[in-house]
PDB file of N, CA and C in Angstrom:
ATOM      1  N   MET A   1     110.307 129.184  93.207  1.00  0.00           N
ATOM      2  CA  MET A   1     110.150 129.993  94.391  1.00  0.00           C
ATOM      3  C   MET A   1     109.128 131.085  94.109  1.00  0.00           C
ATOM      4  N   ARG A   2     108.316 131.360  95.122  1.00  0.00           N
ATOM      5  CA  ARG A   2     107.286 132.396  95.008  1.00  0.00           C
ATOM      6  C   ARG A   2     107.527 133.449  96.090  1.00  0.00           C
ATOM      7  N   ILE A   3     107.575 134.708  95.659  1.00  0.00           N
ATOM      8  CA  ILE A   3     107.793 135.824  96.582  1.00  0.00           C
ATOM      9  C   ILE A   3     106.619 136.787  96.471  1.00  0.00           C
ATOM     10  N   VAL A   4     106.121 137.212  97.627  1.00  0.00           N
ATOM     11  CA  VAL A   4     105.088 138.240  97.692  1.00  0.00           C
ATOM     12  C   VAL A   4     105.723 139.509  98.243  1.00  0.00           C
ATOM     13  N   CYS A   5     105.493 140.625  97.565  1.00  0.00           N
ATOM     14  CA  CYS A   5     105.984 141.931  98.011  1.00  0.00           C
ATOM     15  C   CYS A   5     104.781 142.801  98.335  1.00  0.00           C
ATOM     16  N   VAL A   6     104.797 143.434  99.517  1.00  0.00           N
ATOM     17  CA  VAL A   6     103.687 144.293  99.921  1.00  0.00           C
ATOM     18  C   VAL A   6     104.257 145.610 100.442  1.00  0.00           C
ATOM     19  N   ASP A   7     103.897 146.693  99.765  1.00  0.00           N
ATOM     20  CA  ASP A   7     104.335 148.028 100.173  1.00  0.00           C
ATOM     21  C   ASP A   7     103.383 149.039  99.568  1.00  0.00           C
ATOM     22  N   ASN A   8     102.896 149.972 100.365  1.00  0.00           N
ATOM     23  CA  ASN A   8     101.964 150.967  99.841  1.00  0.00           C
ATOM     24  C   ASN A   8     102.675 152.082  99.073  1.00  0.00           C
ATOM     25  N   GLU A   9     103.991 152.170  99.174  1.00  0.00           N
ATOM     26  CA  GLU A   9     104.756 153.147  98.396  1.00  0.00           C
ATOM     27  C   GLU A   9     105.043 152.517  97.021  1.00  0.00           C
ATOM     28  N   LEU A  10     104.362 152.983  96.000  1.00  0.00           N
ATOM     29  CA  LEU A  10     104.430 152.325  94.691  1.00  0.00           C
ATOM     30  C   LEU A  10     105.825 152.306  94.093  1.00  0.00           C
ATOM     31  N   ASN A  11     106.602 153.371  94.256  1.00  0.00           N
ATOM     32  CA  ASN A  11     107.965 153.377  93.727  1.00  0.00           C
ATOM     33  C   ASN A  11     108.818 152.319  94.406  1.00  0.00           C
ATOM     34  N   THR A  12     108.679 152.200  95.711  1.00  0.00           N
ATOM     35  CA  THR A  12     109.427 151.197  96.456  1.00  0.00           C
ATOM     36  C   THR A  12     108.980 149.794  96.056  1.00  0.00           C
ATOM     37  N   LEU A  13     107.677 149.605  95.921  1.00  0.00           N
ATOM     38  CA  LEU A  13     107.145 148.302  95.527  1.00  0.00           C
ATOM     39  C   LEU A  13     107.668 147.897  94.152  1.00  0.00           C
ATOM     40  N   THR A  14     107.619 148.813  93.204  1.00  0.00           N
ATOM     41  CA  THR A  14     108.101 148.530  91.842  1.00  0.00           C
ATOM     42  C   THR A  14     109.583 148.165  91.865  1.00  0.00           C
ATOM     43  N   ARG A  15     110.361 148.914  92.622  1.00  0.00           N
ATOM     44  CA  ARG A  15     111.806 148.652  92.716  1.00  0.00           C
ATOM     45  C   ARG A  15     112.077 147.285  93.354  1.00  0.00           C
ATOM     46  N   THR A  16     111.350 146.967  94.402  1.00  0.00           N
ATOM     47  CA  THR A  16     111.536 145.682  95.082  1.00  0.00           C
ATOM     48  C   THR A  16     111.184 144.515  94.158  1.00  0.00           C
ATOM     49  N   VAL A  17     110.089 144.644  93.438  1.00  0.00           N
ATOM     50  CA  VAL A  17     109.688 143.588  92.502  1.00  0.00           C
ATOM     51  C   VAL A  17     110.754 143.395  91.423  1.00  0.00           C
ATOM     52  N   LYS A  18     111.269 144.480  90.865  1.00  0.00           N
ATOM     53  CA  LYS A  18     112.314 144.381  89.839  1.00  0.00           C
ATOM     54  C   LYS A  18     113.549 143.684  90.385  1.00  0.00           C
ATOM     55  N   MET A  19     113.914 144.017  91.609  1.00  0.00           N
ATOM     56  CA  MET A  19     115.081 143.382  92.218  1.00  0.00           C
ATOM     57  C   MET A  19     114.837 141.882  92.433  1.00  0.00           C
ATOM     58  N   CYS A  20     113.648 141.532  92.887  1.00  0.00           N
ATOM     59  CA  CYS A  20     113.330 140.119  93.104  1.00  0.00           C
ATOM     60  C   CYS A  20     113.418 139.330  91.801  1.00  0.00           C
ATOM     61  N   LYS A  21     112.949 139.935  90.720  1.00  0.00           N
ATOM     62  CA  LYS A  21     112.974 139.245  89.425  1.00  0.00           C
ATOM     63  C   LYS A  21     114.390 139.048  88.896  1.00  0.00           C
ATOM     64  N   LYS A  22     115.354 139.794  89.441  1.00  0.00           N
ATOM     65  CA  LYS A  22     116.752 139.642  89.033  1.00  0.00           C
ATOM     66  C   LYS A  22     117.499 138.601  89.865  1.00  0.00           C
ATOM     67  N   LEU A  23     116.836 138.018  90.847  1.00  0.00           N
ATOM     68  CA  LEU A  23     117.487 137.005  91.672  1.00  0.00           C
ATOM     69  C   LEU A  23     117.842 135.794  90.816  1.00  0.00           C
ATOM     70  N   PRO A  24     118.943 135.111  91.139  1.00  0.00           N
ATOM     71  CA  PRO A  24     119.374 133.948  90.340  1.00  0.00           C
ATOM     72  C   PRO A  24     118.322 132.848  90.230  1.00  0.00           C
ATOM     73  N   SER A  25     117.478 132.707  91.233  1.00  0.00           N
ATOM     74  CA  SER A  25     116.467 131.640  91.224  1.00  0.00           C
ATOM     75  C   SER A  25     115.274 131.953  90.334  1.00  0.00           C
ATOM     76  N   LYS A  26     115.220 133.186  89.782  1.00  0.00           N
ATOM     77  CA  LYS A  26     114.117 133.619  88.904  1.00  0.00           C
ATOM     78  C   LYS A  26     112.755 133.312  89.510  1.00  0.00           C
ATOM     79  N   PRO A  27     112.468 133.893  90.674  1.00  0.00           N
ATOM     80  CA  PRO A  27     111.193 133.590  91.344  1.00  0.00           C
ATOM     81  C   PRO A  27     109.986 134.174  90.617  1.00  0.00           C
ATOM     82  N   THR A  28     108.842 133.609  90.918  1.00  0.00           N
ATOM     83  CA  THR A  28     107.581 134.203  90.515  1.00  0.00           C
ATOM     84  C   THR A  28     107.255 135.225  91.596  1.00  0.00           C
ATOM     85  N   VAL A  29     106.974 136.466  91.194  1.00  0.00           N
ATOM     86  CA  VAL A  29     106.786 137.551  92.154  1.00  0.00           C
ATOM     87  C   VAL A  29     105.364 138.095  92.034  1.00  0.00           C
ATOM     88  N   PHE A  30     104.729 138.243  93.179  1.00  0.00           N
ATOM     89  CA  PHE A  30     103.400 138.816  93.268  1.00  0.00           C
ATOM     90  C   PHE A  30     103.517 140.093  94.091  1.00  0.00           C
ATOM     91  N   SER A  31     102.852 141.158  93.669  1.00  0.00           N
ATOM     92  CA  SER A  31     102.984 142.420  94.400  1.00  0.00           C
ATOM     93  C   SER A  31     101.620 142.995  94.738  1.00  0.00           C
ATOM     94  N   PHE A  32     101.579 143.654  95.894  1.00  0.00           N
ATOM     95  CA  PHE A  32     100.349 144.264  96.384  1.00  0.00           C
ATOM     96  C   PHE A  32     100.682 145.598  97.026  1.00  0.00           C
ATOM     97  N   SER A  33      99.878 146.611  96.717  1.00  0.00           N
ATOM     98  CA  SER A  33     100.065 147.923  97.326  1.00  0.00           C
ATOM     99  C   SER A  33      99.188 148.101  98.565  1.00  0.00           C
ATOM    100  N   ARG A  34      98.342 147.135  98.821  1.00  0.00           N
ATOM    101  CA  ARG A  34      97.480 147.151 100.002  1.00  0.00           C
ATOM    102  C   ARG A  34      97.624 145.825 100.747  1.00  0.00           C
ATOM    103  N   ALA A  35      97.814 145.919 102.029  1.00  0.00           N
ATOM    104  CA  ALA A  35      98.018 144.725 102.853  1.00  0.00           C
ATOM    105  C   ALA A  35      96.806 143.784 102.802  1.00  0.00           C
ATOM    106  N   LYS A  36      95.612 144.351 102.792  1.00  0.00           N
ATOM    107  CA  LYS A  36      94.415 143.504 102.778  1.00  0.00           C
ATOM    108  C   LYS A  36      94.283 142.720 101.474  1.00  0.00           C
ATOM    109  N   GLN A  37      94.791 143.274 100.367  1.00  0.00           N
ATOM    110  CA  GLN A  37      94.807 142.532  99.099  1.00  0.00           C
ATOM    111  C   GLN A  37      95.723 141.316  99.220  1.00  0.00           C
ATOM    112  N   ALA A  38      96.872 141.520  99.815  1.00  0.00           N
ATOM    113  CA  ALA A  38      97.821 140.420  99.994  1.00  0.00           C
ATOM    114  C   ALA A  38      97.232 139.350 100.906  1.00  0.00           C
ATOM    115  N   LEU A  39      96.600 139.778 101.965  1.00  0.00           N
ATOM    116  CA  LEU A  39      96.007 138.832 102.906  1.00  0.00           C
ATOM    117  C   LEU A  39      94.958 137.970 102.215  1.00  0.00           C
ATOM    118  N   LYS A  40      94.136 138.581 101.392  1.00  0.00           N
ATOM    119  CA  LYS A  40      93.121 137.827 100.647  1.00  0.00           C
ATOM    120  C   LYS A  40      93.779 136.836  99.685  1.00  0.00           C
ATOM    121  N   TRP A  41      94.876 137.247  99.050  1.00  0.00           N
ATOM    122  CA  TRP A  41      95.599 136.362  98.140  1.00  0.00           C
ATOM    123  C   TRP A  41      96.052 135.098  98.865  1.00  0.00           C
ATOM    124  N   PHE A  42      96.481 135.244 100.115  1.00  0.00           N
ATOM    125  CA  PHE A  42      96.948 134.088 100.894  1.00  0.00           C
ATOM    126  C   PHE A  42      95.825 133.119 101.246  1.00  0.00           C
ATOM    127  N   ASP A  43      94.582 133.498 101.045  1.00  0.00           N
ATOM    128  CA  ASP A  43      93.481 132.557 101.264  1.00  0.00           C
ATOM    129  C   ASP A  43      93.600 131.344 100.348  1.00  0.00           C
ATOM    130  N   ASP A  44      94.087 131.566  99.126  1.00  0.00           N
ATOM    131  CA  ASP A  44      94.124 130.493  98.126  1.00  0.00           C
ATOM    132  C   ASP A  44      95.503 130.212  97.557  1.00  0.00           C
ATOM    133  N   HIS A  45      96.528 130.913  98.061  1.00  0.00           N
ATOM    134  CA  HIS A  45      97.866 130.772  97.487  1.00  0.00           C
ATOM    135  C   HIS A  45      98.924 130.639  98.568  1.00  0.00           C
ATOM    136  N   TYR A  46     100.106 130.258  98.126  1.00  0.00           N
ATOM    137  CA  TYR A  46     101.240 130.080  99.016  1.00  0.00           C
ATOM    138  C   TYR A  46     102.428 130.852  98.467  1.00  0.00           C
ATOM    139  N   ALA A  47     103.230 131.390  99.363  1.00  0.00           N
ATOM    140  CA  ALA A  47     104.492 132.016  98.959  1.00  0.00           C
ATOM    141  C   ALA A  47     105.597 131.480  99.858  1.00  0.00           C
ATOM    142  N   ASP A  48     106.767 131.335  99.288  1.00  0.00           N
ATOM    143  CA  ASP A  48     107.918 130.924 100.086  1.00  0.00           C
ATOM    144  C   ASP A  48     108.380 132.067 100.977  1.00  0.00           C
ATOM    145  N   ILE A  49     108.321 133.285 100.413  1.00  0.00           N
ATOM    146  CA  ILE A  49     108.817 134.460 101.115  1.00  0.00           C
ATOM    147  C   ILE A  49     107.826 135.608 100.954  1.00  0.00           C
ATOM    148  N   ALA A  50     107.618 136.368 102.029  1.00  0.00           N
ATOM    149  CA  ALA A  50     106.816 137.587 101.976  1.00  0.00           C
ATOM    150  C   ALA A  50     107.697 138.751 102.418  1.00  0.00           C
ATOM    151  N   LEU A  51     107.876 139.718 101.525  1.00  0.00           N
ATOM    152  CA  LEU A  51     108.621 140.938 101.830  1.00  0.00           C
ATOM    153  C   LEU A  51     107.596 142.012 102.158  1.00  0.00           C
ATOM    154  N   LEU A  52     107.563 142.453 103.406  1.00  0.00           N
ATOM    155  CA  LEU A  52     106.491 143.326 103.872  1.00  0.00           C
ATOM    156  C   LEU A  52     107.013 144.645 104.411  1.00  0.00           C
ATOM    157  N   ASP A  53     106.332 145.721 104.064  1.00  0.00           N
ATOM    158  CA  ASP A  53     106.566 147.010 104.708  1.00  0.00           C
ATOM    159  C   ASP A  53     105.906 146.938 106.080  1.00  0.00           C
ATOM    160  N   THR A  54     106.347 147.778 106.999  1.00  0.00           N
ATOM    161  CA  THR A  54     105.758 147.765 108.337  1.00  0.00           C
ATOM    162  C   THR A  54     104.618 148.753 108.486  1.00  0.00           C
ATOM    163  N   ASN A  55     104.706 149.882 107.797  1.00  0.00           N
ATOM    164  CA  ASN A  55     103.745 150.965 108.004  1.00  0.00           C
ATOM    165  C   ASN A  55     102.888 151.137 106.754  1.00  0.00           C
ATOM    166  N   MET A  56     101.657 150.605 106.827  1.00  0.00           N
ATOM    167  CA  MET A  56     100.733 150.705 105.703  1.00  0.00           C
ATOM    168  C   MET A  56      99.375 151.161 106.225  1.00  0.00           C
ATOM    169  N   PRO A  57      98.592 151.853 105.399  1.00  0.00           N
ATOM    170  CA  PRO A  57      97.356 152.457 105.892  1.00  0.00           C
ATOM    171  C   PRO A  57      96.213 151.497 106.226  1.00  0.00           C
ATOM    172  N   ASP A  58      96.033 150.441 105.455  1.00  0.00           N
ATOM    173  CA  ASP A  58      94.853 149.608 105.673  1.00  0.00           C
ATOM    174  C   ASP A  58      95.063 148.512 106.713  1.00  0.00           C
ATOM    175  N   LEU A  59      96.286 148.061 106.884  1.00  0.00           N
ATOM    176  CA  LEU A  59      96.631 147.022 107.850  1.00  0.00           C
ATOM    177  C   LEU A  59      98.140 147.095 108.022  1.00  0.00           C
ATOM    178  N   ASP A  60      98.616 147.250 109.247  1.00  0.00           N
ATOM    179  CA  ASP A  60     100.064 147.393 109.423  1.00  0.00           C
ATOM    180  C   ASP A  60     100.778 146.071 109.136  1.00  0.00           C
ATOM    181  N   GLY A  61     102.041 146.176 108.838  1.00  0.00           N
ATOM    182  CA  GLY A  61     102.832 145.013 108.443  1.00  0.00           C
ATOM    183  C   GLY A  61     102.930 143.933 109.502  1.00  0.00           C
ATOM    184  N   MET A  62     102.971 144.316 110.765  1.00  0.00           N
ATOM    185  CA  MET A  62     103.048 143.330 111.847  1.00  0.00           C
ATOM    186  C   MET A  62     101.774 142.488 111.894  1.00  0.00           C
ATOM    187  N   SER A  63     100.637 143.143 111.773  1.00  0.00           N
ATOM    188  CA  SER A  63      99.364 142.406 111.761  1.00  0.00           C
ATOM    189  C   SER A  63      99.273 141.524 110.526  1.00  0.00           C
ATOM    190  N   LEU A  64      99.688 142.057 109.388  1.00  0.00           N
ATOM    191  CA  LEU A  64      99.680 141.266 108.158  1.00  0.00           C
ATOM    192  C   LEU A  64     100.552 140.024 108.316  1.00  0.00           C
ATOM    193  N   ALA A  65     101.732 140.200 108.878  1.00  0.00           N
ATOM    194  CA  ALA A  65     102.639 139.060 109.077  1.00  0.00           C
ATOM    195  C   ALA A  65     102.003 138.000 109.969  1.00  0.00           C
ATOM    196  N   ALA A  66     101.352 138.422 111.036  1.00  0.00           N
ATOM    197  CA  ALA A  66     100.705 137.474 111.936  1.00  0.00           C
ATOM    198  C   ALA A  66      99.614 136.691 111.208  1.00  0.00           C
ATOM    199  N   PHE A  67      98.819 137.380 110.403  1.00  0.00           N
ATOM    200  CA  PHE A  67      97.773 136.699 109.632  1.00  0.00           C
ATOM    201  C   PHE A  67      98.380 135.747 108.597  1.00  0.00           C
ATOM    202  N   ILE A  68      99.438 136.172 107.932  1.00  0.00           N
ATOM    203  CA  ILE A  68     100.095 135.303 106.948  1.00  0.00           C
ATOM    204  C   ILE A  68     100.611 134.043 107.626  1.00  0.00           C
ATOM    205  N   LYS A  69     101.248 134.194 108.781  1.00  0.00           N
ATOM    206  CA  LYS A  69     101.794 133.029 109.482  1.00  0.00           C
ATOM    207  C   LYS A  69     100.686 132.079 109.928  1.00  0.00           C
ATOM    208  N   GLU A  70      99.500 132.609 110.233  1.00  0.00           N
ATOM    209  CA  GLU A  70      98.357 131.746 110.567  1.00  0.00           C
ATOM    210  C   GLU A  70      97.914 130.938 109.355  1.00  0.00           C
ATOM    211  N   LYS A  71      97.830 131.613 108.209  1.00  0.00           N
ATOM    212  CA  LYS A  71      97.351 130.971 106.986  1.00  0.00           C
ATOM    213  C   LYS A  71      98.419 130.111 106.327  1.00  0.00           C
ATOM    214  N   SER A  72      99.664 130.526 106.436  1.00  0.00           N
ATOM    215  CA  SER A  72     100.757 129.879 105.722  1.00  0.00           C
ATOM    216  C   SER A  72     102.008 129.867 106.606  1.00  0.00           C
ATOM    217  N   PRO A  73     102.045 128.981 107.605  1.00  0.00           N
ATOM    218  CA  PRO A  73     103.122 128.995 108.589  1.00  0.00           C
ATOM    219  C   PRO A  73     104.536 128.854 108.020  1.00  0.00           C
ATOM    220  N   ASP A  74     104.659 128.235 106.863  1.00  0.00           N
ATOM    221  CA  ASP A  74     105.994 128.030 106.284  1.00  0.00           C
ATOM    222  C   ASP A  74     106.495 129.216 105.463  1.00  0.00           C
ATOM    223  N   THR A  75     105.674 130.239 105.284  1.00  0.00           N
ATOM    224  CA  THR A  75     106.116 131.428 104.563  1.00  0.00           C
ATOM    225  C   THR A  75     107.103 132.202 105.433  1.00  0.00           C
ATOM    226  N   SER A  76     108.266 132.481 104.880  1.00  0.00           N
ATOM    227  CA  SER A  76     109.276 133.269 105.591  1.00  0.00           C
ATOM    228  C   SER A  76     108.964 134.745 105.406  1.00  0.00           C
ATOM    229  N   VAL A  77     108.803 135.456 106.512  1.00  0.00           N
ATOM    230  CA  VAL A  77     108.499 136.882 106.472  1.00  0.00           C
ATOM    231  C   VAL A  77     109.780 137.678 106.672  1.00  0.00           C
ATOM    232  N   ILE A  78     110.009 138.610 105.762  1.00  0.00           N
ATOM    233  CA  ILE A  78     111.131 139.531 105.858  1.00  0.00           C
ATOM    234  C   ILE A  78     110.557 140.938 105.750  1.00  0.00           C
ATOM    235  N   PHE A  79     110.791 141.728 106.767  1.00  0.00           N
ATOM    236  CA  PHE A  79     110.306 143.106 106.736  1.00  0.00           C
ATOM    237  C   PHE A  79     111.305 144.000 106.016  1.00  0.00           C
ATOM    238  N   VAL A  80     110.776 144.910 105.211  1.00  0.00           N
ATOM    239  CA  VAL A  80     111.576 145.936 104.532  1.00  0.00           C
ATOM    240  C   VAL A  80     110.958 147.258 104.976  1.00  0.00           C
ATOM    241  N   SER A  81     111.642 147.963 105.866  1.00  0.00           N
ATOM    242  CA  SER A  81     111.036 149.107 106.532  1.00  0.00           C
ATOM    243  C   SER A  81     111.982 150.295 106.592  1.00  0.00           C
ATOM    244  N   ASP A  82     111.398 151.478 106.710  1.00  0.00           N
ATOM    245  CA  ASP A  82     112.224 152.663 106.910  1.00  0.00           C
ATOM    246  C   ASP A  82     112.272 153.052 108.388  1.00  0.00           C
ATOM    247  N   ASP A  83     111.686 152.238 109.257  1.00  0.00           N
ATOM    248  CA  ASP A  83     111.629 152.551 110.677  1.00  0.00           C
ATOM    249  C   ASP A  83     112.233 151.417 111.510  1.00  0.00           C
ATOM    250  N   PRO A  84     113.446 151.619 112.035  1.00  0.00           N
ATOM    251  CA  PRO A  84     114.115 150.558 112.801  1.00  0.00           C
ATOM    252  C   PRO A  84     113.410 150.209 114.113  1.00  0.00           C
ATOM    253  N   ARG A  85     112.485 151.042 114.561  1.00  0.00           N
ATOM    254  CA  ARG A  85     111.783 150.745 115.820  1.00  0.00           C
ATOM    255  C   ARG A  85     110.943 149.477 115.729  1.00  0.00           C
ATOM    256  N   TYR A  86     110.613 149.046 114.521  1.00  0.00           N
ATOM    257  CA  TYR A  86     109.803 147.839 114.356  1.00  0.00           C
ATOM    258  C   TYR A  86     110.626 146.550 114.417  1.00  0.00           C
ATOM    259  N   ALA A  87     111.932 146.653 114.431  1.00  0.00           N
ATOM    260  CA  ALA A  87     112.790 145.469 114.360  1.00  0.00           C
ATOM    261  C   ALA A  87     112.519 144.494 115.506  1.00  0.00           C
ATOM    262  N   VAL A  88     112.406 144.987 116.707  1.00  0.00           N
ATOM    263  CA  VAL A  88     112.156 144.104 117.852  1.00  0.00           C
ATOM    264  C   VAL A  88     110.776 143.455 117.731  1.00  0.00           C
ATOM    265  N   ASP A  89     109.780 144.219 117.304  1.00  0.00           N
ATOM    266  CA  ASP A  89     108.432 143.669 117.136  1.00  0.00           C
ATOM    267  C   ASP A  89     108.397 142.553 116.097  1.00  0.00           C
ATOM    268  N   ALA A  90     109.302 142.601 115.145  1.00  0.00           N
ATOM    269  CA  ALA A  90     109.334 141.595 114.081  1.00  0.00           C
ATOM    270  C   ALA A  90     109.530 140.189 114.639  1.00  0.00           C
ATOM    271  N   PHE A  91     110.300 140.081 115.705  1.00  0.00           N
ATOM    272  CA  PHE A  91     110.511 138.760 116.304  1.00  0.00           C
ATOM    273  C   PHE A  91     109.225 138.196 116.881  1.00  0.00           C
ATOM    274  N   GLY A  92     108.338 139.069 117.336  1.00  0.00           N
ATOM    275  CA  GLY A  92     107.077 138.626 117.916  1.00  0.00           C
ATOM    276  C   GLY A  92     106.141 137.968 116.924  1.00  0.00           C
ATOM    277  N   VAL A  93     106.319 138.259 115.644  1.00  0.00           N
ATOM    278  CA  VAL A  93     105.483 137.629 114.613  1.00  0.00           C
ATOM    279  C   VAL A  93     106.291 136.594 113.828  1.00  0.00           C
ATOM    280  N   ARG A  94     107.386 136.169 114.405  1.00  0.00           N
ATOM    281  CA  ARG A  94     108.259 135.124 113.848  1.00  0.00           C
ATOM    282  C   ARG A  94     108.807 135.477 112.471  1.00  0.00           C
ATOM    283  N   ALA A  95     109.184 136.747 112.323  1.00  0.00           N
ATOM    284  CA  ALA A  95     109.825 137.158 111.071  1.00  0.00           C
ATOM    285  C   ALA A  95     111.226 136.562 111.003  1.00  0.00           C
ATOM    286  N   LEU A  96     111.647 136.270 109.803  1.00  0.00           N
ATOM    287  CA  LEU A  96     112.981 135.708 109.607  1.00  0.00           C
ATOM    288  C   LEU A  96     114.024 136.803 109.420  1.00  0.00           C
ATOM    289  N   GLY A  97     113.580 137.976 108.935  1.00  0.00           N
ATOM    290  CA  GLY A  97     114.532 139.050 108.695  1.00  0.00           C
ATOM    291  C   GLY A  97     113.899 140.422 108.799  1.00  0.00           C
ATOM    292  N   PHE A  98     114.776 141.424 108.904  1.00  0.00           N
ATOM    293  CA  PHE A  98     114.352 142.822 108.973  1.00  0.00           C
ATOM    294  C   PHE A  98     115.426 143.643 108.279  1.00  0.00           C
ATOM    295  N   VAL A  99     115.032 144.351 107.206  1.00  0.00           N
ATOM    296  CA  VAL A  99     115.968 145.123 106.402  1.00  0.00           C
ATOM    297  C   VAL A  99     115.488 146.563 106.352  1.00  0.00           C
ATOM    298  N   LEU A 100     116.418 147.499 106.524  1.00  0.00           N
ATOM    299  CA  LEU A 100     116.057 148.904 106.417  1.00  0.00           C
ATOM    300  C   LEU A 100     116.069 149.342 104.960  1.00  0.00           C
ATOM    301  N   LYS A 101     115.116 150.216 104.629  1.00  0.00           N
ATOM    302  CA  LYS A 101     115.072 150.818 103.294  1.00  0.00           C
ATOM    303  C   LYS A 101     116.182 151.841 103.190  1.00  0.00           C
ATOM    304  N   PRO A 102     116.719 152.068 102.036  1.00  0.00           N
ATOM    305  CA  PRO A 102     116.380 151.418 100.768  1.00  0.00           C
ATOM    306  C   PRO A 102     117.007 150.024 100.681  1.00  0.00           C
ATOM    307  N   LEU A 103     116.234 149.098 100.168  1.00  0.00           N
ATOM    308  CA  LEU A 103     116.694 147.725  99.986  1.00  0.00           C
ATOM    309  C   LEU A 103     117.757 147.681  98.907  1.00  0.00           C
ATOM    310  N   LYS A 104     118.836 147.015  99.201  1.00  0.00           N
ATOM    311  CA  LYS A 104     119.933 146.865  98.242  1.00  0.00           C
ATOM    312  C   LYS A 104     119.955 145.418  97.742  1.00  0.00           C
ATOM    313  N   MET A 105     120.364 145.235  96.504  1.00  0.00           N
ATOM    314  CA  MET A 105     120.352 143.916  95.868  1.00  0.00           C
ATOM    315  C   MET A 105     121.160 142.888  96.658  1.00  0.00           C
ATOM    316  N   GLU A 106     122.325 143.286  97.141  1.00  0.00           N
ATOM    317  CA  GLU A 106     123.165 142.342  97.891  1.00  0.00           C
ATOM    318  C   GLU A 106     122.446 141.839  99.139  1.00  0.00           C
ATOM    319  N   ARG A 107     121.778 142.746  99.809  1.00  0.00           N
ATOM    320  CA  ARG A 107     121.050 142.371 101.034  1.00  0.00           C
ATOM    321  C   ARG A 107     119.849 141.496 100.703  1.00  0.00           C
ATOM    322  N   LEU A 108     119.141 141.824  99.619  1.00  0.00           N
ATOM    323  CA  LEU A 108     118.014 141.001  99.195  1.00  0.00           C
ATOM    324  C   LEU A 108     118.483 139.584  98.885  1.00  0.00           C
ATOM    325  N   ARG A 109     119.560 139.470  98.122  1.00  0.00           N
ATOM    326  CA  ARG A 109     120.109 138.138  97.800  1.00  0.00           C
ATOM    327  C   ARG A 109     120.413 137.347  99.069  1.00  0.00           C
ATOM    328  N   ALA A 110     121.060 138.005 100.026  1.00  0.00           N
ATOM    329  CA  ALA A 110     121.441 137.332 101.267  1.00  0.00           C
ATOM    330  C   ALA A 110     120.217 136.898 102.071  1.00  0.00           C
ATOM    331  N   GLU A 111     119.228 137.765 102.165  1.00  0.00           N
ATOM    332  CA  GLU A 111     118.015 137.430 102.932  1.00  0.00           C
ATOM    333  C   GLU A 111     117.249 136.283 102.282  1.00  0.00           C
ATOM    334  N   VAL A 112     117.122 136.315 100.968  1.00  0.00           N
ATOM    335  CA  VAL A 112     116.405 135.253 100.256  1.00  0.00           C
ATOM    336  C   VAL A 112     117.174 133.934 100.360  1.00  0.00           C
ATOM    337  N   ALA A 113     118.480 133.988 100.204  1.00  0.00           N
ATOM    338  CA  ALA A 113     119.285 132.768 100.330  1.00  0.00           C
ATOM    339  C   ALA A 113     119.148 132.172 101.725  1.00  0.00           C
ATOM    340  N   TYR A 114     119.187 133.027 102.735  1.00  0.00           N
ATOM    341  CA  TYR A 114     119.027 132.543 104.106  1.00  0.00           C
ATOM    342  C   TYR A 114     117.642 131.930 104.311  1.00  0.00           C
ATOM    343  N   ALA A 115     116.619 132.596 103.817  1.00  0.00           N
ATOM    344  CA  ALA A 115     115.254 132.084 103.958  1.00  0.00           C
ATOM    345  C   ALA A 115     115.111 130.725 103.286  1.00  0.00           C
ATOM    346  N   MET A 116     115.663 130.587 102.110  1.00  0.00           N
ATOM    347  CA  MET A 116     115.533 129.323 101.386  1.00  0.00           C
ATOM    348  C   MET A 116     116.396 128.228 102.013  1.00  0.00           C
ATOM    349  N   SER A 117     117.561 128.571 102.530  1.00  0.00           N
ATOM    350  CA  SER A 117     118.393 127.562 103.187  1.00  0.00           C
ATOM    351  C   SER A 117     117.725 127.095 104.474  1.00  0.00           C
ATOM    352  N   ASN A 118     117.024 127.982 105.148  1.00  0.00           N
ATOM    353  CA  ASN A 118     116.290 127.630 106.352  1.00  0.00           C
ATOM    354  C   ASN A 118     115.175 126.637 106.018  1.00  0.00           C
ATOM    355  N   LYS A 119     114.530 126.823 104.882  1.00  0.00           N
ATOM    356  CA  LYS A 119     113.475 125.894 104.469  1.00  0.00           C
ATOM    357  C   LYS A 119     114.055 124.514 104.182  1.00  0.00           C
ATOM    358  N   THR A 120     115.202 124.499 103.551  1.00  0.00           N
ATOM    359  CA  THR A 120     115.848 123.235 103.230  1.00  0.00           C
ATOM    360  C   THR A 120     116.172 122.474 104.506  1.00  0.00           C
ATOM    361  N   ILE A 121     116.706 123.155 105.496  1.00  0.00           N
ATOM    362  CA  ILE A 121     117.025 122.518 106.764  1.00  0.00           C
ATOM    363  C   ILE A 121     115.759 121.999 107.426  1.00  0.00           C
ATOM    364  N   MET A 122     114.712 122.787 107.416  1.00  0.00           N
ATOM    365  CA  MET A 122     113.452 122.377 108.037  1.00  0.00           C
ATOM    366  C   MET A 122     112.858 121.177 107.320  1.00  0.00           C
ATOM    367  N   ASP A 123     112.990 121.128 106.001  1.00  0.00           N
ATOM    368  CA  ASP A 123     112.419 120.033 105.224  1.00  0.00           C
ATOM    369  C   ASP A 123     113.156 118.719 105.482  1.00  0.00           C
ATOM    370  N   LEU A 124     114.413 118.796 105.918  1.00  0.00           N
ATOM    371  CA  LEU A 124     115.198 117.592 106.171  1.00  0.00           C
ATOM    372  C   LEU A 124     114.849 116.948 107.501  1.00  0.00           C
ATOM    373  N   ARG A 125     114.177 117.646 108.362  1.00  0.00           N
ATOM    374  CA  ARG A 125     113.857 117.093 109.693  1.00  0.00           C
ATOM    375  C   ARG A 125     112.803 116.042 109.631  1.00  0.00           C
TER     376      ARG A 125
END
């Protein structure tokens, strides 16, 4: 499993990456502090899951999610945000989940498990 984490808050990004690496599936984790860096990475790579902040300076999370879904439609987008006002907008970019900061390990496990189980169901069709 491959997970991409994007957050301009470096402490939050570091914490999220550490939590992802503790998941039972031992995913490969890629992290970016700038949304445009992540977007460029998706030109040549694939991720099963993208954990995205909503409010970033160079490109907001909603726009990033829309671009990711164009480049990699099977990537499950989960927003990790400190602003609940973005939750409704998340559905517009076909996000699979929306979690309020601070991200807790139990919630991360549940969101990742749901995202991966959704892929399994889709692959069986």
